[in-house]
Amino acid sequence: MKGFTLVETLVAIIVFSLALGVVTSFIILGYRNQGYAWQQALAINEARRGIETMIREIREAKTGQDGSYPIEKAEDKEFIFYSDIDKDGDIERVRYFLGTANSGSQTQECQALAKGGTCSVVFSNFLNGTLISSQVKVSVDGDFGWQNREYAEFFADAQKIGDVCKSNCSDCPGAWQGTAIFDVTSQAGDNSLEILADARSDVDPVCPHAMKAKIEFSFNEDLGGLSHEFRKGVIQPSGDPPVYPQEQEQIFILSSYVRNAPPIFKYFDSAGNMIEDYPARLKDTKLMKVLLVVDVDSAKTPPAFELESAVQLRNLKEE
């Protein structure tokens, strides 16, 4: 029998090695694709469980134990509400948000002793990222019983934002009244905000002050990192009367692969019209839609998977 020559043997070895390399590459690629598909499936199931829990909790939103309205914040990628999520009889403050979304709040008071006086407060160095939105909730106490004559004007960085107590207020109630919410996003973007309250000339110092003002400033910012982590924050009520200390918020990661460009949360009124602005999102929302776009790696197939659901809020009072 004629055997292989050395050259033929070397050629056969080379061809076999190349073929083995091609087969091995296909096997490795197959395992990688299978592994990615498995990761994607796990991520989708993880997000699905999170959205099911979230919908159930939002459906049962109710007034906080400190008297807070059931909805505290309604942003595109952050939603804060109150609900008894663990069925223990206590109402928790619950926050769902994308990792980049951060929010904060500060409250200050001031007073004017003279007739028709003014007072102001300043908020500064509150941002760690880029401002998305901000608002002030203002209330007054004082000599505001004369409709259309005794009221207060509010200014943000010298720009008028609105009036308080032109009607439906009383003289010296000893409690906050005329509460209103104003958007101040355009003024707060430089990380500083001055709010001035100007009592009109008919407001007298009979309480003994002429006017006291409470300004609750809140903001929503983008921190620029952790952009794909969808998170949940929970604060248990504490104390008597109950409060919700923000430093006690417990944070949980629900998914590390949420890649929403569109809003996560959309808000609708009782007629089904989408609500875009404050304060309507807080007081008029009756239905919410939730969308999560899940993708382990946007550079690979299969493409991103969208999870969408809707929820009717049961415990909101009709206006």
Protein backbone atom coordinates (compact mmCIF):
# COMPACT_ATOMS: atom_id res chain seq x y z
CA MET A 1 0.00 0.00 0.00
CA LYS A 2 1.14 3.43 -0.87
CA GLY A 3 1.24 5.78 2.17
CA PHE A 4 0.91 9.53 2.48
CA THR A 5 3.89 11.63 1.71
CA LEU A 6 5.07 14.15 4.29
CA VAL A 7 3.67 17.02 2.24
CA GLU A 8 0.28 15.34 1.95
CA THR A 9 0.24 14.68 5.67
CA LEU A 10 1.01 18.32 6.46
CA VAL A 11 -1.70 19.51 4.06
CA ALA A 12 -4.23 17.16 5.67
CA ILE A 13 -3.32 18.40 9.13
CA ILE A 14 -3.67 22.02 8.05
CA VAL A 15 -7.06 21.44 6.38
CA PHE A 16 -8.32 19.52 9.43
CA SER A 17 -7.12 22.28 11.76
CA LEU A 18 -8.86 24.96 9.70
CA ALA A 19 -12.07 22.96 9.61
CA LEU A 20 -11.86 22.31 13.34
CA GLY A 21 -11.31 26.04 13.93
CA VAL A 22 -14.35 26.98 11.86
CA VAL A 23 -16.54 24.44 13.67
CA THR A 24 -15.23 25.57 17.06
CA SER A 25 -15.95 29.23 16.20
CA PHE A 26 -19.52 28.35 15.25
CA ILE A 27 -19.95 26.40 18.49
CA ILE A 28 -18.58 29.29 20.59
CA LEU A 29 -20.72 31.82 18.70
CA GLY A 30 -23.76 29.63 19.25
CA TYR A 31 -23.08 29.40 22.98
CA ARG A 32 -22.59 33.16 23.17
CA ASN A 33 -25.82 33.85 21.32
CA GLN A 34 -27.64 31.33 23.45
CA GLY A 35 -26.17 32.92 26.56
CA TYR A 36 -27.24 36.40 25.45
CA ALA A 37 -30.74 35.18 24.60
CA TRP A 38 -30.91 33.60 28.05
CA GLN A 39 -29.78 36.86 29.68
CA GLN A 40 -32.36 38.80 27.67
CA ALA A 41 -35.11 36.39 28.72
CA LEU A 42 -34.10 36.70 32.38
CA ALA A 43 -34.03 40.51 32.12
CA ILE A 44 -37.50 40.57 30.55
CA ASN A 45 -38.94 38.29 33.23
CA GLU A 46 -37.30 40.42 35.93
CA ALA A 47 -38.79 43.59 34.47
CA ARG A 48 -42.17 41.93 34.01
CA ARG A 49 -42.31 40.97 37.70
CA GLY A 50 -41.31 44.51 38.63
CA ILE A 51 -43.99 46.13 36.48
CA GLU A 52 -46.68 43.78 37.82
CA THR A 53 -45.78 44.72 41.40
CA MET A 54 -45.62 48.40 40.51
CA ILE A 55 -49.05 48.38 38.85
CA ARG A 56 -50.59 46.67 41.87
CA GLU A 57 -49.09 49.21 44.27
CA ILE A 58 -50.03 52.24 42.17
CA ARG A 59 -53.61 51.00 41.82
CA GLU A 60 -53.97 51.20 45.62
CA ALA A 61 -52.39 54.66 46.01
CA LYS A 62 -53.92 56.57 48.91
CA THR A 63 -53.38 59.57 51.18
CA GLY A 64 -50.10 59.46 53.13
CA GLN A 65 -50.16 59.17 56.90
CA ASP A 66 -48.87 62.75 57.08
CA GLY A 67 -51.85 63.92 55.03
CA SER A 68 -49.96 64.03 51.72
CA TYR A 69 -51.99 63.71 48.52
CA PRO A 70 -51.72 60.16 47.04
CA ILE A 71 -49.49 61.42 44.18
CA GLU A 72 -46.44 63.46 45.23
CA LYS A 73 -44.51 63.59 41.94
CA ALA A 74 -45.46 62.66 38.37
CA GLU A 75 -42.48 62.94 36.03
CA ASP A 76 -41.75 61.11 32.78
CA LYS A 77 -39.22 58.80 34.45
CA GLU A 78 -39.99 59.20 38.15
CA PHE A 79 -43.24 58.61 40.01
CA ILE A 80 -43.75 59.11 43.77
CA PHE A 81 -46.92 58.04 45.54
CA TYR A 82 -48.26 56.67 48.83
CA SER A 83 -49.57 53.14 49.28
CA ASP A 84 -49.70 50.34 51.85
CA ILE A 85 -47.45 48.10 49.77
CA ASP A 86 -46.79 45.48 52.45
CA LYS A 87 -50.37 45.34 53.83
CA ASP A 88 -49.28 46.12 57.40
CA GLY A 89 -51.69 49.04 57.90
CA ASP A 90 -48.98 51.69 57.46
CA ILE A 91 -48.84 53.83 54.31
CA GLU A 92 -45.39 53.86 52.68
CA ARG A 93 -43.93 56.57 50.44
CA VAL A 94 -42.94 54.76 47.22
CA ARG A 95 -40.71 56.06 44.44
CA TYR A 96 -40.15 54.32 41.07
CA PHE A 97 -37.44 55.93 38.93
CA LEU A 98 -34.78 55.40 36.31
CA GLY A 99 -31.28 55.45 37.76
CA THR A 100 -30.46 58.89 36.41
CA ALA A 101 -33.55 60.45 37.93
CA ASN A 102 -33.02 62.10 41.29
CA SER A 103 -35.31 64.39 43.22
CA GLY A 104 -35.14 66.54 46.30
CA SER A 105 -37.08 69.10 48.26
CA GLN A 106 -36.49 71.94 50.70
CA THR A 107 -38.93 74.03 52.72
CA GLN A 108 -38.41 77.55 54.08
CA GLU A 109 -40.64 80.16 55.69
CA CYS A 110 -40.51 83.94 55.92
CA GLN A 111 -42.72 86.72 57.28
CA ALA A 112 -43.50 90.39 56.75
CA LEU A 113 -44.41 92.51 59.78
CA ALA A 114 -45.19 95.79 58.02
CA LYS A 115 -48.34 96.67 56.08
CA GLY A 116 -47.98 95.53 52.49
CA GLY A 117 -44.54 94.12 53.27
CA THR A 118 -42.38 91.58 51.45
CA CYS A 119 -40.26 88.62 52.47
CA SER A 120 -38.08 86.20 50.56
CA VAL A 121 -36.17 82.92 50.76
CA VAL A 122 -33.25 81.60 48.72
CA PHE A 123 -32.55 78.00 47.67
CA SER A 124 -29.04 77.25 46.38
CA ASN A 125 -26.56 74.45 45.61
CA PHE A 126 -29.32 71.86 45.38
CA LEU A 127 -28.27 70.30 42.04
CA ASN A 128 -25.77 67.49 41.51
CA GLY A 129 -26.69 66.96 37.85
CA THR A 130 -28.81 68.60 35.16
CA LEU A 131 -32.17 70.07 36.14
CA ILE A 132 -35.17 68.41 34.49
CA SER A 133 -38.01 70.19 36.26
CA SER A 134 -38.76 72.10 39.46
CA GLN A 135 -41.69 73.66 41.21
CA VAL A 136 -42.66 75.60 44.31
CA LYS A 137 -45.70 75.00 46.48
CA VAL A 138 -46.57 78.21 48.32
CA SER A 139 -48.97 78.95 51.17
CA VAL A 140 -49.65 82.03 53.30
CA ASP A 141 -51.11 83.03 56.65
CA GLY A 142 -52.14 86.55 57.63
CA ASP A 143 -54.58 89.32 56.82
CA PHE A 144 -56.11 87.87 53.62
CA GLY A 145 -59.87 88.07 54.18
CA TRP A 146 -60.72 90.89 51.76
CA GLN A 147 -61.23 89.24 48.37
CA ASN A 148 -59.38 90.77 45.41
CA ARG A 149 -57.77 93.38 47.72
CA GLU A 150 -55.79 91.43 50.31
CA TYR A 151 -53.58 88.93 48.54
CA ALA A 152 -49.92 88.11 47.89
CA GLU A 153 -47.93 88.10 44.67
CA PHE A 154 -45.09 85.60 44.27
CA PHE A 155 -41.92 86.13 42.25
CA ALA A 156 -39.14 83.71 41.24
CA ASP A 157 -35.85 85.48 40.53
CA ALA A 158 -37.80 88.74 40.05
CA GLN A 159 -40.24 87.16 37.57
CA LYS A 160 -43.87 87.03 38.69
CA ILE A 161 -45.19 83.46 38.87
CA GLY A 162 -48.65 84.00 40.34
CA ASP A 163 -51.04 85.28 43.02
CA VAL A 164 -52.24 83.64 46.22
CA CYS A 165 -55.40 84.36 48.24
CA LYS A 166 -57.21 86.61 45.80
CA SER A 167 -60.28 84.68 46.95
CA ASN A 168 -61.38 82.01 49.44
CA CYS A 169 -58.98 83.08 52.20
CA SER A 170 -59.65 84.54 55.64
CA ASP A 171 -58.05 86.90 58.13
CA CYS A 172 -55.48 85.41 60.51
CA PRO A 173 -56.62 81.76 60.50
CA GLY A 174 -53.44 80.61 62.21
CA ALA A 175 -53.06 77.98 59.48
CA TRP A 176 -51.67 77.89 55.95
CA GLN A 177 -54.14 78.83 53.22
CA GLY A 178 -54.30 79.76 49.54
CA THR A 179 -51.93 76.94 48.60
CA ALA A 180 -50.77 77.04 44.97
CA ILE A 181 -48.11 75.29 42.87
CA PHE A 182 -45.95 77.08 40.29
CA ASP A 183 -43.40 75.80 37.80
CA VAL A 184 -39.95 77.38 38.27
CA THR A 185 -37.82 75.19 36.01
CA SER A 186 -36.61 78.09 33.89
CA GLN A 187 -35.48 80.05 36.95
CA ALA A 188 -33.82 77.22 38.92
CA GLY A 189 -31.48 75.87 36.23
CA ASP A 190 -28.51 77.92 37.52
CA ASN A 191 -28.63 76.07 40.88
CA SER A 192 -30.04 79.09 42.71
CA LEU A 193 -33.58 80.33 43.22
CA GLU A 194 -35.00 83.30 45.13
CA ILE A 195 -38.72 83.30 45.92
CA LEU A 196 -40.22 86.62 47.03
CA ALA A 197 -43.69 87.05 48.52
CA ASP A 198 -45.17 90.56 48.16
CA ALA A 199 -48.25 91.37 50.25
CA ARG A 200 -50.49 93.94 48.60
CA SER A 201 -50.92 97.33 50.25
CA ASP A 202 -54.21 96.42 51.97
CA VAL A 203 -52.64 93.55 53.93
CA ASP A 204 -52.31 94.88 57.51
CA PRO A 205 -50.17 93.58 60.40
CA VAL A 206 -53.06 92.41 62.54
CA CYS A 207 -52.09 88.79 63.25
CA PRO A 208 -49.67 90.33 64.66
CA HIS A 209 -47.74 89.82 61.42
CA ALA A 210 -49.10 91.02 58.10
CA MET A 211 -48.05 87.89 56.21
CA LYS A 212 -46.26 84.61 56.75
CA ALA A 213 -45.28 82.54 53.73
CA LYS A 214 -44.24 78.91 53.42
CA ILE A 215 -42.34 77.88 50.28
CA GLU A 216 -41.82 74.19 49.50
CA PHE A 217 -39.29 73.83 46.68
CA SER A 218 -38.89 70.50 44.86
CA PHE A 219 -36.85 69.48 41.83
CA ASN A 220 -36.07 66.58 39.52
CA GLU A 221 -32.59 66.17 38.01
CA ASP A 222 -30.58 63.87 35.74
CA LEU A 223 -27.39 62.60 37.36
CA GLY A 224 -25.99 61.20 34.10
CA GLY A 225 -24.90 57.81 35.49
CA LEU A 226 -26.58 54.46 36.11
CA SER A 227 -28.77 55.29 33.16
CA HIS A 228 -30.20 51.79 32.74
CA GLU A 229 -31.08 50.91 36.33
CA PHE A 230 -34.79 51.01 37.09
CA ARG A 231 -35.14 51.44 40.83
CA LYS A 232 -37.65 51.48 43.66
CA GLY A 233 -37.35 53.57 46.81
CA VAL A 234 -39.48 53.02 49.92
CA ILE A 235 -39.80 55.16 53.06
CA GLN A 236 -41.70 53.86 56.07
CA PRO A 237 -43.63 56.44 58.13
CA SER A 238 -42.14 57.24 61.53
CA GLY A 239 -42.93 59.42 64.52
CA ASP A 240 -46.11 60.99 65.86
CA PRO A 241 -47.28 62.92 63.94
CA PRO A 242 -45.92 60.67 61.17
CA VAL A 243 -43.28 61.91 58.74
CA TYR A 244 -41.30 60.35 55.87
CA PRO A 245 -37.57 61.09 56.39
CA GLN A 246 -35.88 61.00 52.98
CA GLU A 247 -32.60 59.84 54.51
CA GLN A 248 -34.39 56.61 55.50
CA GLU A 249 -35.32 55.69 51.93
CA GLN A 250 -34.45 52.10 51.05
CA ILE A 251 -33.44 51.65 47.39
CA PHE A 252 -33.90 48.43 45.39
CA ILE A 253 -32.75 47.74 41.82
CA LEU A 254 -35.59 46.20 39.82
CA SER A 255 -33.76 45.92 36.48
CA SER A 256 -30.32 46.90 35.19
CA TYR A 257 -31.33 46.85 31.52
CA VAL A 258 -34.10 49.44 31.10
CA ARG A 259 -33.24 51.68 28.14
CA ASN A 260 -36.21 54.03 27.82
CA ALA A 261 -35.89 57.00 25.51
CA PRO A 262 -39.69 57.51 25.61
CA PRO A 263 -41.31 58.24 29.01
CA ILE A 264 -41.75 55.39 31.46
CA PHE A 265 -44.89 57.01 32.88
CA LYS A 266 -47.73 58.73 31.02
CA TYR A 267 -50.67 60.37 32.75
CA PHE A 268 -54.32 60.68 31.65
CA ASP A 269 -57.40 62.42 33.02
CA SER A 270 -60.86 60.91 33.48
CA ALA A 271 -61.71 61.67 29.82
CA GLY A 272 -58.63 59.82 28.56
CA ASN A 273 -56.67 62.96 27.60
CA MET A 274 -52.92 62.81 28.21
CA ILE A 275 -51.70 65.33 30.81
CA GLU A 276 -48.39 67.08 30.09
CA ASP A 277 -48.05 69.80 32.73
CA TYR A 278 -48.05 70.55 36.45
CA PRO A 279 -50.05 70.82 38.62
CA ALA A 280 -52.59 68.98 36.45
CA ARG A 281 -50.53 65.76 36.57
CA LEU A 282 -50.98 65.66 40.33
CA LYS A 283 -54.62 66.65 40.70
CA ASP A 284 -56.20 65.37 37.47
CA THR A 285 -54.50 62.00 36.87
CA LYS A 286 -56.93 59.10 36.97
CA LEU A 287 -55.20 56.64 34.61
CA MET A 288 -51.52 55.85 34.06
CA LYS A 289 -49.66 53.94 31.38
CA VAL A 290 -46.29 52.37 32.13
CA LEU A 291 -43.67 51.43 29.52
CA LEU A 292 -40.33 49.67 30.09
CA VAL A 293 -37.91 49.09 27.19
CA VAL A 294 -35.65 46.16 28.14
CA ASP A 295 -32.43 45.27 26.32
CA VAL A 296 -29.35 43.54 27.75
CA ASP A 297 -27.16 44.76 24.87
CA SER A 298 -28.50 47.20 22.30
CA ALA A 299 -25.77 46.15 19.83
CA LYS A 300 -27.03 42.56 19.60
CA THR A 301 -30.15 40.73 18.52
CA PRO A 302 -32.87 40.05 19.53
CA PRO A 303 -33.97 43.70 19.62
CA ALA A 304 -35.24 45.57 22.69
CA PHE A 305 -38.40 44.21 24.25
CA GLU A 306 -41.20 46.58 25.33
CA LEU A 307 -43.38 45.90 28.35
CA GLU A 308 -46.48 48.11 28.60
CA SER A 309 -49.36 48.21 31.03
CA ALA A 310 -52.09 50.57 32.25
CA VAL A 311 -53.49 51.18 35.71
CA GLN A 312 -56.57 52.96 37.05
CA LEU A 313 -55.96 54.75 40.36
CA ARG A 314 -58.85 53.77 42.59
CA ASN A 315 -58.63 56.11 45.55
CA LEU A 316 -58.32 59.55 43.95
CA LYS A 317 -61.17 61.94 44.64
CA GLU A 318 -63.05 63.34 41.68
CA GLU A 319 -62.83 67.12 41.48
